[in-house]
């Protein structure tokens, strides 16, 4: 009985951890996504290279990477390796990558 209880507790903690990880995910609403896409097309910026950084959601960009504002949207963007990257300005973490 004790082993079963320990396994159940471990499973619960694992699921709670997974829930906590997904709670931090930022989801861009479709309206914001449209605004960002249209703005980026109208206001292109030069592509940069950031050695050692993979363009994955959740990856933090160095503070030295310049982020550009999108009016009426709290997120920022930049272009790395010819891919537009949307970034949370507070954490510098990538929240969306456009191809």
PDB file of N, CA and C in Angstrom:
ATOM      1  N   UNK A   1       0.829  -1.195   0.000  1.00  0.00           N
ATOM      2  CA  UNK A   1       0.000   0.000   0.000  1.00  0.00           C
ATOM      3  C   UNK A   1       0.872   1.258   0.000  1.00  0.00           C
ATOM      4  N   UNK A   2       1.956   1.223   0.768  1.00  0.00           N
ATOM      5  CA  UNK A   2       2.838   2.379   0.857  1.00  0.00           C
ATOM      6  C   UNK A   2       3.479   2.678  -0.510  1.00  0.00           C
ATOM      7  N   UNK A   3       3.887   1.639  -1.241  1.00  0.00           N
ATOM      8  CA  UNK A   3       4.491   1.822  -2.561  1.00  0.00           C
ATOM      9  C   UNK A   3       3.488   2.429  -3.524  1.00  0.00           C
ATOM     10  N   UNK A   4       2.252   1.959  -3.474  1.00  0.00           N
ATOM     11  CA  UNK A   4       1.211   2.481  -4.347  1.00  0.00           C
ATOM     12  C   UNK A   4       0.969   3.962  -4.064  1.00  0.00           C
ATOM     13  N   UNK A   5       0.948   4.334  -2.812  1.00  0.00           N
ATOM     14  CA  UNK A   5       0.723   5.720  -2.431  1.00  0.00           C
ATOM     15  C   UNK A   5       1.885   6.597  -2.900  1.00  0.00           C
ATOM     16  N   UNK A   6       3.102   6.102  -2.754  1.00  0.00           N
ATOM     17  CA  UNK A   6       4.273   6.853  -3.193  1.00  0.00           C
ATOM     18  C   UNK A   6       4.243   7.051  -4.708  1.00  0.00           C
ATOM     19  N   UNK A   7       3.877   6.016  -5.447  1.00  0.00           N
ATOM     20  CA  UNK A   7       3.789   6.121  -6.910  1.00  0.00           C
ATOM     21  C   UNK A   7       2.716   7.119  -7.316  1.00  0.00           C
ATOM     22  N   UNK A   8       1.605   7.087  -6.627  1.00  0.00           N
ATOM     23  CA  UNK A   8       0.515   8.012  -6.928  1.00  0.00           C
ATOM     24  C   UNK A   8       0.947   9.446  -6.648  1.00  0.00           C
ATOM     25  N   UNK A   9       1.625   9.653  -5.519  1.00  0.00           N
ATOM     26  CA  UNK A   9       2.104  10.994  -5.172  1.00  0.00           C
ATOM     27  C   UNK A   9       3.113  11.480  -6.206  1.00  0.00           C
ATOM     28  N   UNK A  10       4.014  10.610  -6.628  1.00  0.00           N
ATOM     29  CA  UNK A  10       5.017  10.983  -7.631  1.00  0.00           C
ATOM     30  C   UNK A  10       4.341  11.346  -8.945  1.00  0.00           C
ATOM     31  N   UNK A  11       3.350  10.566  -9.347  1.00  0.00           N
ATOM     32  CA  UNK A  11       2.628  10.852 -10.586  1.00  0.00           C
ATOM     33  C   UNK A  11       1.913  12.195 -10.496  1.00  0.00           C
ATOM     34  N   UNK A  12       1.307  12.470  -9.366  1.00  0.00           N
ATOM     35  CA  UNK A  12       0.613  13.745  -9.173  1.00  0.00           C
ATOM     36  C   UNK A  12       1.589  14.916  -9.274  1.00  0.00           C
ATOM     37  N   UNK A  13       2.740  14.799  -8.613  1.00  0.00           N
ATOM     38  CA  UNK A  13       3.725  15.869  -8.663  1.00  0.00           C
ATOM     39  C   UNK A  13       4.251  16.078 -10.080  1.00  0.00           C
ATOM     40  N   UNK A  14       4.431  14.987 -10.816  1.00  0.00           N
ATOM     41  CA  UNK A  14       4.883  15.088 -12.198  1.00  0.00           C
ATOM     42  C   UNK A  14       3.851  15.831 -13.041  1.00  0.00           C
ATOM     43  N   UNK A  15       2.588  15.459 -12.896  1.00  0.00           N
ATOM     44  CA  UNK A  15       1.532  16.143 -13.648  1.00  0.00           C
ATOM     45  C   UNK A  15       1.410  17.598 -13.230  1.00  0.00           C
ATOM     46  N   UNK A  16       1.562  17.881 -11.943  1.00  0.00           N
ATOM     47  CA  UNK A  16       1.497  19.265 -11.473  1.00  0.00           C
ATOM     48  C   UNK A  16       2.638  20.073 -12.080  1.00  0.00           C
ATOM     49  N   UNK A  17       3.805  19.482 -12.189  1.00  0.00           N
ATOM     50  CA  UNK A  17       4.944  20.164 -12.806  1.00  0.00           C
ATOM     51  C   UNK A  17       4.708  20.448 -14.265  1.00  0.00           C
ATOM     52  N   UNK A  18       4.123  19.507 -14.976  1.00  0.00           N
ATOM     53  CA  UNK A  18       3.809  19.708 -16.389  1.00  0.00           C
ATOM     54  C   UNK A  18       2.794  20.832 -16.533  1.00  0.00           C
ATOM     55  N   UNK A  19       1.801  20.867 -15.667  1.00  0.00           N
ATOM     56  CA  UNK A  19       0.805  21.933 -15.694  1.00  0.00           C
ATOM     57  C   UNK A  19       1.428  23.288 -15.456  1.00  0.00           C
ATOM     58  N   UNK A  20       2.375  23.347 -14.533  1.00  0.00           N
ATOM     59  CA  UNK A  20       3.037  24.610 -14.236  1.00  0.00           C
ATOM     60  C   UNK A  20       3.859  25.081 -15.428  1.00  0.00           C
ATOM     61  N   UNK A  21       4.500  24.151 -16.114  1.00  0.00           N
ATOM     62  CA  UNK A  21       5.320  24.526 -17.266  1.00  0.00           C
ATOM     63  C   UNK A  21       4.458  25.095 -18.379  1.00  0.00           C
ATOM     64  N   UNK A  22       3.306  24.512 -18.640  1.00  0.00           N
ATOM     65  CA  UNK A  22       2.462  25.001 -19.717  1.00  0.00           C
ATOM     66  C   UNK A  22       1.730  26.278 -19.325  1.00  0.00           C
ATOM     67  N   UNK A  23       1.579  26.527 -18.029  1.00  0.00           N
ATOM     68  CA  UNK A  23       0.915  27.750 -17.592  1.00  0.00           C
ATOM     69  C   UNK A  23       1.750  28.976 -17.956  1.00  0.00           C
ATOM     70  N   UNK A  24       3.065  28.819 -18.108  1.00  0.00           N
ATOM     71  CA  UNK A  24       3.939  29.928 -18.458  1.00  0.00           C
ATOM     72  C   UNK A  24       3.952  30.215 -19.954  1.00  0.00           C
ATOM     73  N   UNK A  25       3.410  29.326 -20.757  1.00  0.00           N
ATOM     74  CA  UNK A  25       3.397  29.532 -22.196  1.00  0.00           C
ATOM     75  C   UNK A  25       2.568  30.764 -22.539  1.00  0.00           C
ATOM     76  N   UNK A  26       3.069  31.559 -23.463  1.00  0.00           N
ATOM     77  CA  UNK A  26       2.351  32.743 -23.915  1.00  0.00           C
ATOM     78  C   UNK A  26       1.737  32.418 -25.259  1.00  0.00           C
ATOM     79  N   UNK A  27       0.467  32.667 -25.359  1.00  0.00           N
ATOM     80  CA  UNK A  27      -0.237  32.418 -26.611  1.00  0.00           C
ATOM     81  C   UNK A  27      -0.640  33.757 -27.211  1.00  0.00           C
ATOM     82  N   UNK A  28      -0.181  33.991 -28.419  1.00  0.00           N
ATOM     83  CA  UNK A  28      -0.537  35.220 -29.113  1.00  0.00           C
ATOM     84  C   UNK A  28      -1.930  35.035 -29.712  1.00  0.00           C
ATOM     85  N   UNK A  29      -2.812  35.941 -29.373  1.00  0.00           N
ATOM     86  CA  UNK A  29      -4.179  35.881 -29.893  1.00  0.00           C
ATOM     87  C   UNK A  29      -4.169  36.127 -31.404  1.00  0.00           C
ATOM     88  N   UNK A  30      -5.127  35.535 -32.123  1.00  0.00           N
ATOM     89  CA  UNK A  30      -5.145  35.685 -33.589  1.00  0.00           C
ATOM     90  C   UNK A  30      -5.129  37.144 -34.051  1.00  0.00           C
ATOM     91  N   UNK A  31      -5.825  38.024 -33.318  1.00  0.00           N
ATOM     92  CA  UNK A  31      -5.851  39.435 -33.705  1.00  0.00           C
ATOM     93  C   UNK A  31      -4.453  40.044 -33.593  1.00  0.00           C
ATOM     94  N   UNK A  32      -3.746  39.714 -32.493  1.00  0.00           N
ATOM     95  CA  UNK A  32      -2.391  40.231 -32.317  1.00  0.00           C
ATOM     96  C   UNK A  32      -1.456  39.646 -33.366  1.00  0.00           C
ATOM     97  N   UNK A  33      -1.640  38.375 -33.675  1.00  0.00           N
ATOM     98  CA  UNK A  33      -0.806  37.712 -34.670  1.00  0.00           C
ATOM     99  C   UNK A  33      -0.930  38.431 -36.013  1.00  0.00           C
ATOM    100  N   UNK A  34      -2.144  38.785 -36.382  1.00  0.00           N
ATOM    101  CA  UNK A  34      -2.382  39.505 -37.638  1.00  0.00           C
ATOM    102  C   UNK A  34      -1.708  40.867 -37.616  1.00  0.00           C
ATOM    103  N   UNK A  35      -1.852  41.587 -36.516  1.00  0.00           N
ATOM    104  CA  UNK A  35      -1.234  42.910 -36.383  1.00  0.00           C
ATOM    105  C   UNK A  35       0.280  42.801 -36.508  1.00  0.00           C
ATOM    106  N   UNK A  36       0.866  41.826 -35.822  1.00  0.00           N
ATOM    107  CA  UNK A  36       2.318  41.651 -35.859  1.00  0.00           C
ATOM    108  C   UNK A  36       2.788  41.329 -37.267  1.00  0.00           C
ATOM    109  N   UNK A  37       2.137  40.359 -37.915  1.00  0.00           N
ATOM    110  CA  UNK A  37       2.533  39.964 -39.277  1.00  0.00           C
ATOM    111  C   UNK A  37       2.471  41.141 -40.248  1.00  0.00           C
ATOM    112  N   UNK A  38       1.381  41.907 -40.197  1.00  0.00           N
ATOM    113  CA  UNK A  38       1.224  43.038 -41.115  1.00  0.00           C
ATOM    114  C   UNK A  38       2.253  44.126 -40.827  1.00  0.00           C
ATOM    115  N   UNK A  39       2.502  44.399 -39.552  1.00  0.00           N
ATOM    116  CA  UNK A  39       3.459  45.444 -39.196  1.00  0.00           C
ATOM    117  C   UNK A  39       4.872  45.072 -39.639  1.00  0.00           C
ATOM    118  N   UNK A  40       5.244  43.822 -39.411  1.00  0.00           N
ATOM    119  CA  UNK A  40       6.587  43.362 -39.775  1.00  0.00           C
ATOM    120  C   UNK A  40       6.811  43.469 -41.284  1.00  0.00           C
ATOM    121  N   UNK A  41       5.772  43.195 -42.070  1.00  0.00           N
ATOM    122  CA  UNK A  41       5.895  43.328 -43.529  1.00  0.00           C
ATOM    123  C   UNK A  41       6.114  44.787 -43.928  1.00  0.00           C
ATOM    124  N   UNK A  42       5.453  45.713 -43.219  1.00  0.00           N
ATOM    125  CA  UNK A  42       5.557  47.132 -43.545  1.00  0.00           C
ATOM    126  C   UNK A  42       6.814  47.775 -42.980  1.00  0.00           C
ATOM    127  N   UNK A  43       7.358  47.200 -41.914  1.00  0.00           N
ATOM    128  CA  UNK A  43       8.514  47.773 -41.240  1.00  0.00           C
ATOM    129  C   UNK A  43       9.649  46.750 -41.150  1.00  0.00           C
ATOM    130  N   UNK A  44      10.195  46.340 -42.282  1.00  0.00           N
ATOM    131  CA  UNK A  44      11.244  45.324 -42.242  1.00  0.00           C
ATOM    132  C   UNK A  44      12.504  45.845 -41.550  1.00  0.00           C
ATOM    133  N   UNK A  45      13.168  44.941 -40.861  1.00  0.00           N
ATOM    134  CA  UNK A  45      14.444  45.277 -40.220  1.00  0.00           C
ATOM    135  C   UNK A  45      15.493  44.295 -40.735  1.00  0.00           C
ATOM    136  N   UNK A  46      16.733  44.696 -40.624  1.00  0.00           N
ATOM    137  CA  UNK A  46      17.823  43.848 -41.101  1.00  0.00           C
ATOM    138  C   UNK A  46      17.939  42.583 -40.267  1.00  0.00           C
ATOM    139  N   UNK A  47      18.205  41.490 -40.947  1.00  0.00           N
ATOM    140  CA  UNK A  47      18.412  40.211 -40.273  1.00  0.00           C
ATOM    141  C   UNK A  47      19.784  40.217 -39.603  1.00  0.00           C
ATOM    142  N   UNK A  48      19.832  39.632 -38.416  1.00  0.00           N
ATOM    143  CA  UNK A  48      21.095  39.528 -37.693  1.00  0.00           C
ATOM    144  C   UNK A  48      21.406  38.060 -37.432  1.00  0.00           C
ATOM    145  N   UNK A  49      22.626  37.802 -37.032  1.00  0.00           N
ATOM    146  CA  UNK A  49      23.044  36.456 -36.626  1.00  0.00           C
ATOM    147  C   UNK A  49      23.315  36.510 -35.129  1.00  0.00           C
ATOM    148  N   UNK A  50      22.865  35.484 -34.419  1.00  0.00           N
ATOM    149  CA  UNK A  50      23.134  35.374 -32.990  1.00  0.00           C
ATOM    150  C   UNK A  50      23.734  33.990 -32.780  1.00  0.00           C
ATOM    151  N   UNK A  51      25.061  33.896 -32.808  1.00  0.00           N
ATOM    152  CA  UNK A  51      25.722  32.595 -32.680  1.00  0.00           C
ATOM    153  C   UNK A  51      25.336  31.881 -31.375  1.00  0.00           C
ATOM    154  N   UNK A  52      25.087  30.591 -31.525  1.00  0.00           N
ATOM    155  CA  UNK A  52      24.802  29.766 -30.355  1.00  0.00           C
ATOM    156  C   UNK A  52      23.374  29.817 -29.860  1.00  0.00           C
ATOM    157  N   UNK A  53      22.510  30.560 -30.533  1.00  0.00           N
ATOM    158  CA  UNK A  53      21.114  30.663 -30.108  1.00  0.00           C
ATOM    159  C   UNK A  53      20.235  29.929 -31.106  1.00  0.00           C
ATOM    160  N   UNK A  54      19.454  28.977 -30.582  1.00  0.00           N
ATOM    161  CA  UNK A  54      18.495  28.264 -31.428  1.00  0.00           C
ATOM    162  C   UNK A  54      17.164  29.008 -31.394  1.00  0.00           C
ATOM    163  N   UNK A  55      16.534  29.108 -32.534  1.00  0.00           N
ATOM    164  CA  UNK A  55      15.274  29.833 -32.626  1.00  0.00           C
ATOM    165  C   UNK A  55      14.108  28.924 -32.251  1.00  0.00           C
ATOM    166  N   UNK A  56      13.979  28.690 -30.964  1.00  0.00           N
ATOM    167  CA  UNK A  56      12.907  27.862 -30.425  1.00  0.00           C
ATOM    168  C   UNK A  56      12.091  28.666 -29.441  1.00  0.00           C
ATOM    169  N   UNK A  57      10.811  28.360 -29.348  1.00  0.00           N
ATOM    170  CA  UNK A  57       9.969  29.009 -28.363  1.00  0.00           C
ATOM    171  C   UNK A  57      10.533  28.713 -26.977  1.00  0.00           C
ATOM    172  N   UNK A  58      10.668  29.770 -26.180  1.00  0.00           N
ATOM    173  CA  UNK A  58      11.205  29.634 -24.836  1.00  0.00           C
ATOM    174  C   UNK A  58      12.677  29.962 -24.720  1.00  0.00           C
ATOM    175  N   UNK A  59      13.380  30.040 -25.848  1.00  0.00           N
ATOM    176  CA  UNK A  59      14.797  30.391 -25.816  1.00  0.00           C
ATOM    177  C   UNK A  59      14.935  31.876 -25.487  1.00  0.00           C
ATOM    178  N   UNK A  60      15.800  32.191 -24.550  1.00  0.00           N
ATOM    179  CA  UNK A  60      16.047  33.590 -24.190  1.00  0.00           C
ATOM    180  C   UNK A  60      17.133  34.167 -25.093  1.00  0.00           C
ATOM    181  N   UNK A  61      16.845  35.322 -25.650  1.00  0.00           N
ATOM    182  CA  UNK A  61      17.832  36.021 -26.476  1.00  0.00           C
ATOM    183  C   UNK A  61      18.718  36.873 -25.573  1.00  0.00           C
ATOM    184  N   UNK A  62      19.963  37.079 -25.971  1.00  0.00           N
ATOM    185  CA  UNK A  62      20.835  37.960 -25.185  1.00  0.00           C
ATOM    186  C   UNK A  62      20.248  39.376 -25.119  1.00  0.00           C
ATOM    187  N   UNK A  63      20.530  40.071 -24.032  1.00  0.00           N
ATOM    188  CA  UNK A  63      20.035  41.438 -23.873  1.00  0.00           C
ATOM    189  C   UNK A  63      20.582  42.388 -24.928  1.00  0.00           C
ATOM    190  N   UNK A  64      21.645  41.991 -25.591  1.00  0.00           N
ATOM    191  CA  UNK A  64      22.261  42.838 -26.614  1.00  0.00           C
ATOM    192  C   UNK A  64      21.480  42.851 -27.929  1.00  0.00           C
ATOM    193  N   UNK A  65      20.539  41.904 -28.086  1.00  0.00           N
ATOM    194  CA  UNK A  65      19.738  41.845 -29.314  1.00  0.00           C
ATOM    195  C   UNK A  65      18.700  42.966 -29.271  1.00  0.00           C
ATOM    196  N   UNK A  66      18.714  43.810 -30.298  1.00  0.00           N
ATOM    197  CA  UNK A  66      17.762  44.915 -30.362  1.00  0.00           C
ATOM    198  C   UNK A  66      16.375  44.384 -30.724  1.00  0.00           C
ATOM    199  N   UNK A  67      15.386  44.795 -29.926  1.00  0.00           N
ATOM    200  CA  UNK A  67      13.996  44.397 -30.157  1.00  0.00           C
ATOM    201  C   UNK A  67      13.224  45.610 -30.650  1.00  0.00           C
ATOM    202  N   UNK A  68      12.328  45.386 -31.584  1.00  0.00           N
ATOM    203  CA  UNK A  68      11.565  46.464 -32.197  1.00  0.00           C
ATOM    204  C   UNK A  68      10.113  46.404 -31.751  1.00  0.00           C
ATOM    205  N   UNK A  69       9.553  47.567 -31.518  1.00  0.00           N
ATOM    206  CA  UNK A  69       8.187  47.672 -31.009  1.00  0.00           C
ATOM    207  C   UNK A  69       7.159  47.502 -32.124  1.00  0.00           C
ATOM    208  N   UNK A  70       6.046  46.902 -31.763  1.00  0.00           N
ATOM    209  CA  UNK A  70       4.872  46.825 -32.627  1.00  0.00           C
ATOM    210  C   UNK A  70       3.805  47.660 -31.924  1.00  0.00           C
ATOM    211  N   UNK A  71       3.296  48.726 -32.562  1.00  0.00           N
ATOM    212  CA  UNK A  71       2.304  49.567 -31.896  1.00  0.00           C
ATOM    213  C   UNK A  71       1.090  48.763 -31.405  1.00  0.00           C
ATOM    214  N   UNK A  72       0.672  49.068 -30.204  1.00  0.00           N
ATOM    215  CA  UNK A  72      -0.512  48.465 -29.577  1.00  0.00           C
ATOM    216  C   UNK A  72      -0.371  46.974 -29.279  1.00  0.00           C
ATOM    217  N   UNK A  73       0.846  46.471 -29.278  1.00  0.00           N
ATOM    218  CA  UNK A  73       1.110  45.076 -28.922  1.00  0.00           C
ATOM    219  C   UNK A  73       2.231  45.095 -27.888  1.00  0.00           C
ATOM    220  N   UNK A  74       2.085  44.317 -26.835  1.00  0.00           N
ATOM    221  CA  UNK A  74       3.104  44.365 -25.782  1.00  0.00           C
ATOM    222  C   UNK A  74       4.373  43.597 -26.128  1.00  0.00           C
ATOM    223  N   UNK A  75       4.348  42.814 -27.178  1.00  0.00           N
ATOM    224  CA  UNK A  75       5.512  42.029 -27.564  1.00  0.00           C
ATOM    225  C   UNK A  75       6.390  42.813 -28.531  1.00  0.00           C
ATOM    226  N   UNK A  76       7.624  42.372 -28.683  1.00  0.00           N
ATOM    227  CA  UNK A  76       8.575  43.000 -29.586  1.00  0.00           C
ATOM    228  C   UNK A  76       9.003  41.976 -30.629  1.00  0.00           C
ATOM    229  N   UNK A  77       9.712  42.436 -31.649  1.00  0.00           N
ATOM    230  CA  UNK A  77      10.185  41.505 -32.674  1.00  0.00           C
ATOM    231  C   UNK A  77      11.585  41.875 -33.110  1.00  0.00           C
ATOM    232  N   UNK A  78      12.225  40.916 -33.735  1.00  0.00           N
ATOM    233  CA  UNK A  78      13.508  41.117 -34.388  1.00  0.00           C
ATOM    234  C   UNK A  78      13.592  40.071 -35.490  1.00  0.00           C
ATOM    235  N   UNK A  79      14.604  40.173 -36.321  1.00  0.00           N
ATOM    236  CA  UNK A  79      14.790  39.199 -37.398  1.00  0.00           C
ATOM    237  C   UNK A  79      16.163  38.556 -37.213  1.00  0.00           C
ATOM    238  N   UNK A  80      16.160  37.246 -37.049  1.00  0.00           N
ATOM    239  CA  UNK A  80      17.384  36.481 -36.857  1.00  0.00           C
ATOM    240  C   UNK A  80      17.433  35.402 -37.930  1.00  0.00           C
ATOM    241  N   UNK A  81      18.536  35.337 -38.641  1.00  0.00           N
ATOM    242  CA  UNK A  81      18.695  34.350 -39.716  1.00  0.00           C
ATOM    243  C   UNK A  81      17.510  34.365 -40.683  1.00  0.00           C
ATOM    244  N   UNK A  82      17.064  35.573 -41.030  1.00  0.00           N
ATOM    245  CA  UNK A  82      15.959  35.786 -41.973  1.00  0.00           C
ATOM    246  C   UNK A  82      14.624  35.225 -41.484  1.00  0.00           C
ATOM    247  N   UNK A  83      14.484  35.037 -40.186  1.00  0.00           N
ATOM    248  CA  UNK A  83      13.218  34.590 -39.606  1.00  0.00           C
ATOM    249  C   UNK A  83      12.775  35.618 -38.577  1.00  0.00           C
ATOM    250  N   UNK A  84      11.523  36.045 -38.669  1.00  0.00           N
ATOM    251  CA  UNK A  84      10.999  37.002 -37.710  1.00  0.00           C
ATOM    252  C   UNK A  84      10.686  36.277 -36.412  1.00  0.00           C
ATOM    253  N   UNK A  85      11.149  36.865 -35.316  1.00  0.00           N
ATOM    254  CA  UNK A  85      11.003  36.273 -34.002  1.00  0.00           C
ATOM    255  C   UNK A  85      10.249  37.251 -33.109  1.00  0.00           C
ATOM    256  N   UNK A  86       9.176  36.786 -32.479  1.00  0.00           N
ATOM    257  CA  UNK A  86       8.414  37.608 -31.541  1.00  0.00           C
ATOM    258  C   UNK A  86       8.921  37.273 -30.144  1.00  0.00           C
ATOM    259  N   UNK A  87       9.164  38.321 -29.357  1.00  0.00           N
ATOM    260  CA  UNK A  87       9.846  38.160 -28.077  1.00  0.00           C
ATOM    261  C   UNK A  87       9.064  38.861 -26.964  1.00  0.00           C
ATOM    262  N   UNK A  88       9.047  38.239 -25.793  1.00  0.00           N
ATOM    263  CA  UNK A  88       8.499  38.879 -24.595  1.00  0.00           C
ATOM    264  C   UNK A  88       9.577  39.845 -24.109  1.00  0.00           C
ATOM    265  N   UNK A  89       9.306  41.159 -24.104  1.00  0.00           N
ATOM    266  CA  UNK A  89      10.355  42.114 -23.757  1.00  0.00           C
ATOM    267  C   UNK A  89      10.818  42.018 -22.305  1.00  0.00           C
ATOM    268  N   UNK A  90       9.997  41.488 -21.431  1.00  0.00           N
ATOM    269  CA  UNK A  90      10.375  41.364 -20.029  1.00  0.00           C
ATOM    270  C   UNK A  90      11.391  40.271 -19.770  1.00  0.00           C
ATOM    271  N   UNK A  91      11.273  39.182 -20.524  1.00  0.00           N
ATOM    272  CA  UNK A  91      12.147  38.026 -20.301  1.00  0.00           C
ATOM    273  C   UNK A  91      13.131  37.799 -21.440  1.00  0.00           C
ATOM    274  N   UNK A  92      12.908  38.461 -22.562  1.00  0.00           N
ATOM    275  CA  UNK A  92      13.686  38.266 -23.796  1.00  0.00           C
ATOM    276  C   UNK A  92      13.528  36.847 -24.344  1.00  0.00           C
ATOM    277  N   UNK A  93      12.474  36.145 -23.922  1.00  0.00           N
ATOM    278  CA  UNK A  93      12.235  34.794 -24.432  1.00  0.00           C
ATOM    279  C   UNK A  93      11.421  34.844 -25.713  1.00  0.00           C
ATOM    280  N   UNK A  94      11.773  33.954 -26.625  1.00  0.00           N
ATOM    281  CA  UNK A  94      11.046  33.838 -27.885  1.00  0.00           C
ATOM    282  C   UNK A  94       9.678  33.226 -27.602  1.00  0.00           C
ATOM    283  N   UNK A  95       8.634  33.864 -28.154  1.00  0.00           N
ATOM    284  CA  UNK A  95       7.289  33.312 -27.982  1.00  0.00           C
ATOM    285  C   UNK A  95       6.669  32.883 -29.302  1.00  0.00           C
ATOM    286  N   UNK A  96       7.279  33.301 -30.414  1.00  0.00           N
ATOM    287  CA  UNK A  96       6.782  32.863 -31.729  1.00  0.00           C
ATOM    288  C   UNK A  96       7.883  33.075 -32.756  1.00  0.00           C
ATOM    289  N   UNK A  97       7.958  32.150 -33.701  1.00  0.00           N
ATOM    290  CA  UNK A  97       8.921  32.260 -34.799  1.00  0.00           C
ATOM    291  C   UNK A  97       8.147  32.140 -36.096  1.00  0.00           C
ATOM    292  N   UNK A  98       8.292  33.148 -36.962  1.00  0.00           N
ATOM    293  CA  UNK A  98       7.682  33.108 -38.286  1.00  0.00           C
ATOM    294  C   UNK A  98       8.726  32.715 -39.303  1.00  0.00           C
ATOM    295  N   UNK A  99       8.343  31.838 -40.219  1.00  0.00           N
ATOM    296  CA  UNK A  99       9.277  31.435 -41.285  1.00  0.00           C
ATOM    297  C   UNK A  99       9.187  32.361 -42.460  1.00  0.00           C
TER     298      UNK A  99
END
